[in-house]
PDB file of N, CA and C in Angstrom:
ATOM      1  N   MET A   1      -4.964 -10.835 -27.222  1.00  0.00           N
ATOM      2  CA  MET A   1      -3.934 -10.454 -26.270  1.00  0.00           C
ATOM      3  C   MET A   1      -3.064 -11.681 -25.992  1.00  0.00           C
ATOM      4  N   ASN A   2      -1.794 -11.489 -26.036  1.00  0.00           N
ATOM      5  CA  ASN A   2      -0.916 -12.630 -25.793  1.00  0.00           C
ATOM      6  C   ASN A   2      -0.738 -12.874 -24.289  1.00  0.00           C
ATOM      7  N   PRO A   3      -0.337 -14.063 -23.928  1.00  0.00           N
ATOM      8  CA  PRO A   3      -0.220 -14.414 -22.501  1.00  0.00           C
ATOM      9  C   PRO A   3       0.769 -13.527 -21.733  1.00  0.00           C
ATOM     10  N   ASN A   4       1.824 -13.095 -22.389  1.00  0.00           N
ATOM     11  CA  ASN A   4       2.816 -12.257 -21.718  1.00  0.00           C
ATOM     12  C   ASN A   4       2.211 -10.914 -21.304  1.00  0.00           C
ATOM     13  N   ALA A   5       1.382 -10.341 -22.145  1.00  0.00           N
ATOM     14  CA  ALA A   5       0.740  -9.065 -21.824  1.00  0.00           C
ATOM     15  C   ALA A   5      -0.227  -9.224 -20.658  1.00  0.00           C
ATOM     16  N   ILE A   6      -0.942 -10.336 -20.615  1.00  0.00           N
ATOM     17  CA  ILE A   6      -1.879 -10.589 -19.512  1.00  0.00           C
ATOM     18  C   ILE A   6      -1.117 -10.740 -18.199  1.00  0.00           C
ATOM     19  N   ILE A   7      -0.018 -11.472 -18.236  1.00  0.00           N
ATOM     20  CA  ILE A   7       0.799 -11.658 -17.031  1.00  0.00           C
ATOM     21  C   ILE A   7       1.349 -10.316 -16.549  1.00  0.00           C
ATOM     22  N   ASN A   8       1.844  -9.493 -17.479  1.00  0.00           N
ATOM     23  CA  ASN A   8       2.357  -8.168 -17.116  1.00  0.00           C
ATOM     24  C   ASN A   8       1.268  -7.297 -16.508  1.00  0.00           C
ATOM     25  N   MET A   9       0.066  -7.356 -17.066  1.00  0.00           N
ATOM     26  CA  MET A   9      -1.040  -6.559 -16.566  1.00  0.00           C
ATOM     27  C   MET A   9      -1.393  -6.975 -15.128  1.00  0.00           C
ATOM     28  N   ILE A  10      -1.449  -8.275 -14.883  1.00  0.00           N
ATOM     29  CA  ILE A  10      -1.772  -8.781 -13.544  1.00  0.00           C
ATOM     30  C   ILE A  10      -0.667  -8.431 -12.555  1.00  0.00           C
ATOM     31  N   MET A  11       0.584  -8.549 -12.975  1.00  0.00           N
ATOM     32  CA  MET A  11       1.696  -8.206 -12.090  1.00  0.00           C
ATOM     33  C   MET A  11       1.673  -6.725 -11.726  1.00  0.00           C
ATOM     34  N   ARG A  12       1.373  -5.855 -12.691  1.00  0.00           N
ATOM     35  CA  ARG A  12       1.282  -4.425 -12.407  1.00  0.00           C
ATOM     36  C   ARG A  12       0.152  -4.136 -11.416  1.00  0.00           C
ATOM     37  N   LEU A  13      -0.957  -4.834 -11.576  1.00  0.00           N
ATOM     38  CA  LEU A  13      -2.093  -4.658 -10.673  1.00  0.00           C
ATOM     39  C   LEU A  13      -1.696  -4.974  -9.232  1.00  0.00           C
ATOM     40  N   PHE A  14      -1.048  -6.117  -9.029  1.00  0.00           N
ATOM     41  CA  PHE A  14      -0.636  -6.500  -7.676  1.00  0.00           C
ATOM     42  C   PHE A  14       0.461  -5.586  -7.133  1.00  0.00           C
ATOM     43  N   LEU A  15       1.370  -5.187  -7.979  1.00  0.00           N
ATOM     44  CA  LEU A  15       2.441  -4.291  -7.548  1.00  0.00           C
ATOM     45  C   LEU A  15       1.865  -2.943  -7.119  1.00  0.00           C
ATOM     46  N   ARG A  16       0.920  -2.432  -7.885  1.00  0.00           N
ATOM     47  CA  ARG A  16       0.290  -1.159  -7.553  1.00  0.00           C
ATOM     48  C   ARG A  16      -0.454  -1.257  -6.225  1.00  0.00           C
ATOM     49  N   ARG A  17      -1.197  -2.339  -6.023  1.00  0.00           N
ATOM     50  CA  ARG A  17      -1.914  -2.518  -4.755  1.00  0.00           C
ATOM     51  C   ARG A  17      -0.940  -2.626  -3.587  1.00  0.00           C
ATOM     52  N   GLY A  18       0.149  -3.332  -3.800  1.00  0.00           N
ATOM     53  CA  GLY A  18       1.151  -3.470  -2.752  1.00  0.00           C
ATOM     54  C   GLY A  18       1.805  -2.148  -2.405  1.00  0.00           C
ATOM     55  N   MET A  19       2.116  -1.346  -3.411  1.00  0.00           N
ATOM     56  CA  MET A  19       2.723  -0.036  -3.172  1.00  0.00           C
ATOM     57  C   MET A  19       1.756   0.866  -2.412  1.00  0.00           C
ATOM     58  N   ASN A  20       0.494   0.875  -2.811  1.00  0.00           N
ATOM     59  CA  ASN A  20      -0.493   1.706  -2.128  1.00  0.00           C
ATOM     60  C   ASN A  20      -0.683   1.257  -0.685  1.00  0.00           C
ATOM     61  N   ALA A  21      -0.732  -0.044  -0.461  1.00  0.00           N
ATOM     62  CA  ALA A  21      -0.893  -0.559   0.902  1.00  0.00           C
ATOM     63  C   ALA A  21       0.317  -0.190   1.761  1.00  0.00           C
ATOM     64  N   GLY A  22       1.511  -0.294   1.207  1.00  0.00           N
ATOM     65  CA  GLY A  22       2.725   0.055   1.945  1.00  0.00           C
ATOM     66  C   GLY A  22       2.783   1.527   2.283  1.00  0.00           C
ATOM     67  N   ILE A  23       2.395   2.366   1.345  1.00  0.00           N
ATOM     68  CA  ILE A  23       2.396   3.814   1.588  1.00  0.00           C
ATOM     69  C   ILE A  23       1.387   4.160   2.673  1.00  0.00           C
ATOM     70  N   ASN A  24       0.195   3.568   2.612  1.00  0.00           N
ATOM     71  CA  ASN A  24      -0.811   3.838   3.639  1.00  0.00           C
ATOM     72  C   ASN A  24      -0.364   3.320   4.999  1.00  0.00           C
ATOM     73  N   TYR A  25       0.292   2.179   5.030  1.00  0.00           N
ATOM     74  CA  TYR A  25       0.792   1.610   6.285  1.00  0.00           C
ATOM     75  C   TYR A  25       1.821   2.546   6.912  1.00  0.00           C
ATOM     76  N   MET A  26       2.721   3.050   6.101  1.00  0.00           N
ATOM     77  CA  MET A  26       3.745   3.955   6.611  1.00  0.00           C
ATOM     78  C   MET A  26       3.144   5.294   7.051  1.00  0.00           C
ATOM     79  N   ALA A  27       2.096   5.741   6.375  1.00  0.00           N
ATOM     80  CA  ALA A  27       1.460   7.004   6.744  1.00  0.00           C
ATOM     81  C   ALA A  27       0.855   6.915   8.143  1.00  0.00           C
ATOM     82  N   ASN A  28       0.296   5.764   8.485  1.00  0.00           N
ATOM     83  CA  ASN A  28      -0.287   5.571   9.819  1.00  0.00           C
ATOM     84  C   ASN A  28       0.720   4.992  10.794  1.00  0.00           C
ATOM     85  N   ARG A  29       1.935   4.782  10.358  1.00  0.00           N
ATOM     86  CA  ARG A  29       3.002   4.210  11.181  1.00  0.00           C
ATOM     87  C   ARG A  29       2.596   2.854  11.755  1.00  0.00           C
ATOM     88  N   GLY A  30       1.803   2.125  11.004  1.00  0.00           N
ATOM     89  CA  GLY A  30       1.435   0.767  11.386  1.00  0.00           C
ATOM     90  C   GLY A  30       0.420   0.675  12.497  1.00  0.00           C
ATOM     91  N   ARG A  31      -0.269   1.762  12.781  1.00  0.00           N
ATOM     92  CA  ARG A  31      -1.233   1.743  13.881  1.00  0.00           C
ATOM     93  C   ARG A  31      -2.623   2.072  13.370  1.00  0.00           C
ATOM     94  N   ASN A  32      -3.611   1.578  14.085  1.00  0.00           N
ATOM     95  CA  ASN A  32      -4.998   1.858  13.787  1.00  0.00           C
ATOM     96  C   ASN A  32      -5.338   3.249  14.339  1.00  0.00           C
ATOM     97  N   PRO A  33      -5.979   4.116  13.558  1.00  0.00           N
ATOM     98  CA  PRO A  33      -6.303   5.461  14.058  1.00  0.00           C
ATOM     99  C   PRO A  33      -7.158   5.454  15.331  1.00  0.00           C
ATOM    100  N   LYS A  34      -7.936   4.416  15.554  1.00  0.00           N
ATOM    101  CA  LYS A  34      -8.753   4.340  16.766  1.00  0.00           C
ATOM    102  C   LYS A  34      -7.891   4.200  18.020  1.00  0.00           C
ATOM    103  N   ASP A  35      -6.700   3.647  17.872  1.00  0.00           N
ATOM    104  CA  ASP A  35      -5.809   3.426  19.007  1.00  0.00           C
ATOM    105  C   ASP A  35      -4.869   4.612  19.270  1.00  0.00           C
ATOM    106  N   MET A  36      -4.958   5.656  18.456  1.00  0.00           N
ATOM    107  CA  MET A  36      -4.042   6.790  18.575  1.00  0.00           C
ATOM    108  C   MET A  36      -4.624   7.888  19.455  1.00  0.00           C
ATOM    109  N   THR A  37      -3.731   8.701  20.006  1.00  0.00           N
ATOM    110  CA  THR A  37      -4.158   9.894  20.727  1.00  0.00           C
ATOM    111  C   THR A  37      -4.530  10.962  19.695  1.00  0.00           C
ATOM    112  N   PRO A  38      -5.258  11.999  20.088  1.00  0.00           N
ATOM    113  CA  PRO A  38      -5.624  13.050  19.119  1.00  0.00           C
ATOM    114  C   PRO A  38      -4.411  13.682  18.428  1.00  0.00           C
ATOM    115  N   GLU A  39      -3.330  13.855  19.165  1.00  0.00           N
ATOM    116  CA  GLU A  39      -2.120  14.430  18.554  1.00  0.00           C
ATOM    117  C   GLU A  39      -1.537  13.481  17.509  1.00  0.00           C
ATOM    118  N   GLU A  40      -1.516  12.196  17.816  1.00  0.00           N
ATOM    119  CA  GLU A  40      -1.005  11.212  16.861  1.00  0.00           C
ATOM    120  C   GLU A  40      -1.895  11.148  15.623  1.00  0.00           C
ATOM    121  N   ARG A  41      -3.216  11.288  15.825  1.00  0.00           N
ATOM    122  CA  ARG A  41      -4.136  11.291  14.680  1.00  0.00           C
ATOM    123  C   ARG A  41      -3.857  12.470  13.759  1.00  0.00           C
ATOM    124  N   GLN A  42      -3.563  13.620  14.360  1.00  0.00           N
ATOM    125  CA  GLN A  42      -3.264  14.811  13.569  1.00  0.00           C
ATOM    126  C   GLN A  42      -1.977  14.597  12.765  1.00  0.00           C
ATOM    127  N   ASN A  43      -0.969  14.006  13.397  1.00  0.00           N
ATOM    128  CA  ASN A  43       0.280  13.720  12.694  1.00  0.00           C
ATOM    129  C   ASN A  43       0.053  12.688  11.594  1.00  0.00           C
ATOM    130  N   ALA A  44      -0.817  11.708  11.847  1.00  0.00           N
ATOM    131  CA  ALA A  44      -1.115  10.691  10.840  1.00  0.00           C
ATOM    132  C   ALA A  44      -1.843  11.311   9.651  1.00  0.00           C
ATOM    133  N   LYS A  45      -2.684  12.318   9.934  1.00  0.00           N
ATOM    134  CA  LYS A  45      -3.387  13.002   8.847  1.00  0.00           C
ATOM    135  C   LYS A  45      -2.379  13.693   7.931  1.00  0.00           C
ATOM    136  N   ALA A  46      -1.375  14.333   8.525  1.00  0.00           N
ATOM    137  CA  ALA A  46      -0.318  14.960   7.730  1.00  0.00           C
ATOM    138  C   ALA A  46       0.455  13.894   6.956  1.00  0.00           C
ATOM    139  N   GLY A  47       0.653  12.746   7.586  1.00  0.00           N
ATOM    140  CA  GLY A  47       1.329  11.640   6.902  1.00  0.00           C
ATOM    141  C   GLY A  47       0.534  11.129   5.722  1.00  0.00           C
ATOM    142  N   ARG A  48      -0.794  11.099   5.866  1.00  0.00           N
ATOM    143  CA  ARG A  48      -1.637  10.654   4.748  1.00  0.00           C
ATOM    144  C   ARG A  48      -1.582  11.645   3.597  1.00  0.00           C
ATOM    145  N   GLU A  49      -1.482  12.952   3.923  1.00  0.00           N
ATOM    146  CA  GLU A  49      -1.327  13.957   2.863  1.00  0.00           C
ATOM    147  C   GLU A  49      -0.020  13.731   2.111  1.00  0.00           C
ATOM    148  N   ASN A  50       1.048  13.467   2.844  1.00  0.00           N
ATOM    149  CA  ASN A  50       2.323  13.167   2.194  1.00  0.00           C
ATOM    150  C   ASN A  50       2.229  11.885   1.388  1.00  0.00           C
ATOM    151  N   ALA A  51       1.469  10.910   1.893  1.00  0.00           N
ATOM    152  CA  ALA A  51       1.281   9.649   1.168  1.00  0.00           C
ATOM    153  C   ALA A  51       0.534   9.896  -0.134  1.00  0.00           C
ATOM    154  N   ARG A  52      -0.455  10.772  -0.074  1.00  0.00           N
ATOM    155  CA  ARG A  52      -1.214  11.098  -1.281  1.00  0.00           C
ATOM    156  C   ARG A  52      -0.294  11.719  -2.332  1.00  0.00           C
ATOM    157  N   ARG A  53       0.589  12.599  -1.888  1.00  0.00           N
ATOM    158  CA  ARG A  53       1.547  13.214  -2.823  1.00  0.00           C
ATOM    159  C   ARG A  53       2.515  12.163  -3.391  1.00  0.00           C
ATOM    160  N   ALA A  54       2.912  11.225  -2.541  1.00  0.00           N
ATOM    161  CA  ALA A  54       3.810  10.162  -3.008  1.00  0.00           C
ATOM    162  C   ALA A  54       3.116   9.299  -4.051  1.00  0.00           C
ATOM    163  N   GLN A  55       1.831   9.030  -3.848  1.00  0.00           N
ATOM    164  CA  GLN A  55       1.086   8.235  -4.818  1.00  0.00           C
ATOM    165  C   GLN A  55       0.940   8.991  -6.132  1.00  0.00           C
ATOM    166  N   GLN A  56       0.725  10.297  -6.061  1.00  0.00           N
ATOM    167  CA  GLN A  56       0.655  11.097  -7.277  1.00  0.00           C
ATOM    168  C   GLN A  56       1.985  11.068  -8.027  1.00  0.00           C
ATOM    169  N   ALA A  57       3.077  11.182  -7.285  1.00  0.00           N
ATOM    170  CA  ALA A  57       4.402  11.125  -7.906  1.00  0.00           C
ATOM    171  C   ALA A  57       4.631   9.765  -8.547  1.00  0.00           C
ATOM    172  N   MET A  58       4.144   8.704  -7.884  1.00  0.00           N
ATOM    173  CA  MET A  58       4.285   7.366  -8.435  1.00  0.00           C
ATOM    174  C   MET A  58       3.523   7.253  -9.762  1.00  0.00           C
ATOM    175  N   ARG A  59       2.325   7.853  -9.818  1.00  0.00           N
ATOM    176  CA  ARG A  59       1.537   7.817 -11.054  1.00  0.00           C
ATOM    177  C   ARG A  59       2.228   8.581 -12.176  1.00  0.00           C
ATOM    178  N   VAL A  60       2.782   9.750 -11.840  1.00  0.00           N
ATOM    179  CA  VAL A  60       3.454  10.567 -12.853  1.00  0.00           C
ATOM    180  C   VAL A  60       4.656   9.819 -13.414  1.00  0.00           C
ATOM    181  N   THR A  61       5.451   9.207 -12.542  1.00  0.00           N
ATOM    182  CA  THR A  61       6.629   8.497 -13.037  1.00  0.00           C
ATOM    183  C   THR A  61       6.205   7.274 -13.854  1.00  0.00           C
ATOM    184  N   ARG A  62       5.098   6.670 -13.515  1.00  0.00           N
ATOM    185  CA  ARG A  62       4.602   5.544 -14.309  1.00  0.00           C
ATOM    186  C   ARG A  62       4.224   6.006 -15.703  1.00  0.00           C
ATOM    187  N   ARG A  63       3.577   7.193 -15.785  1.00  0.00           N
ATOM    188  CA  ARG A  63       3.192   7.733 -17.083  1.00  0.00           C
ATOM    189  C   ARG A  63       4.429   8.106 -17.900  1.00  0.00           C
ATOM    190  N   MET A  64       5.422   8.667 -17.226  1.00  0.00           N
ATOM    191  CA  MET A  64       6.642   9.047 -17.941  1.00  0.00           C
ATOM    192  C   MET A  64       7.378   7.832 -18.485  1.00  0.00           C
ATOM    193  N   GLY A  65       7.266   6.715 -17.808  1.00  0.00           N
ATOM    194  CA  GLY A  65       7.933   5.503 -18.259  1.00  0.00           C
ATOM    195  C   GLY A  65       7.309   4.907 -19.511  1.00  0.00           C
ATOM    196  N   LYS A  66       6.079   5.295 -19.817  1.00  0.00           N
ATOM    197  CA  LYS A  66       5.403   4.749 -20.994  1.00  0.00           C
ATOM    198  C   LYS A  66       5.856   5.408 -22.278  1.00  0.00           C
ATOM    199  N   PHE A  67       6.471   6.587 -22.181  1.00  0.00           N
ATOM    200  CA  PHE A  67       6.877   7.303 -23.398  1.00  0.00           C
ATOM    201  C   PHE A  67       8.182   6.830 -23.910  1.00  0.00           C
TER     202      PHE A  67
END
């Protein structure tokens, strides 16, 4: 494996982790679920479902980019 491929692989790994962390942060609106009211927790749960769909869309577009 050449050095450029290794660097690209590591960069993709960090980028993917960063994207997932950002999506999860936005789903919870930057708050800890323990600090939320029950209504806010319910809304955050819906946000996590939307985040899950966003992550799936991100995976699909990544696969499409390989072709």
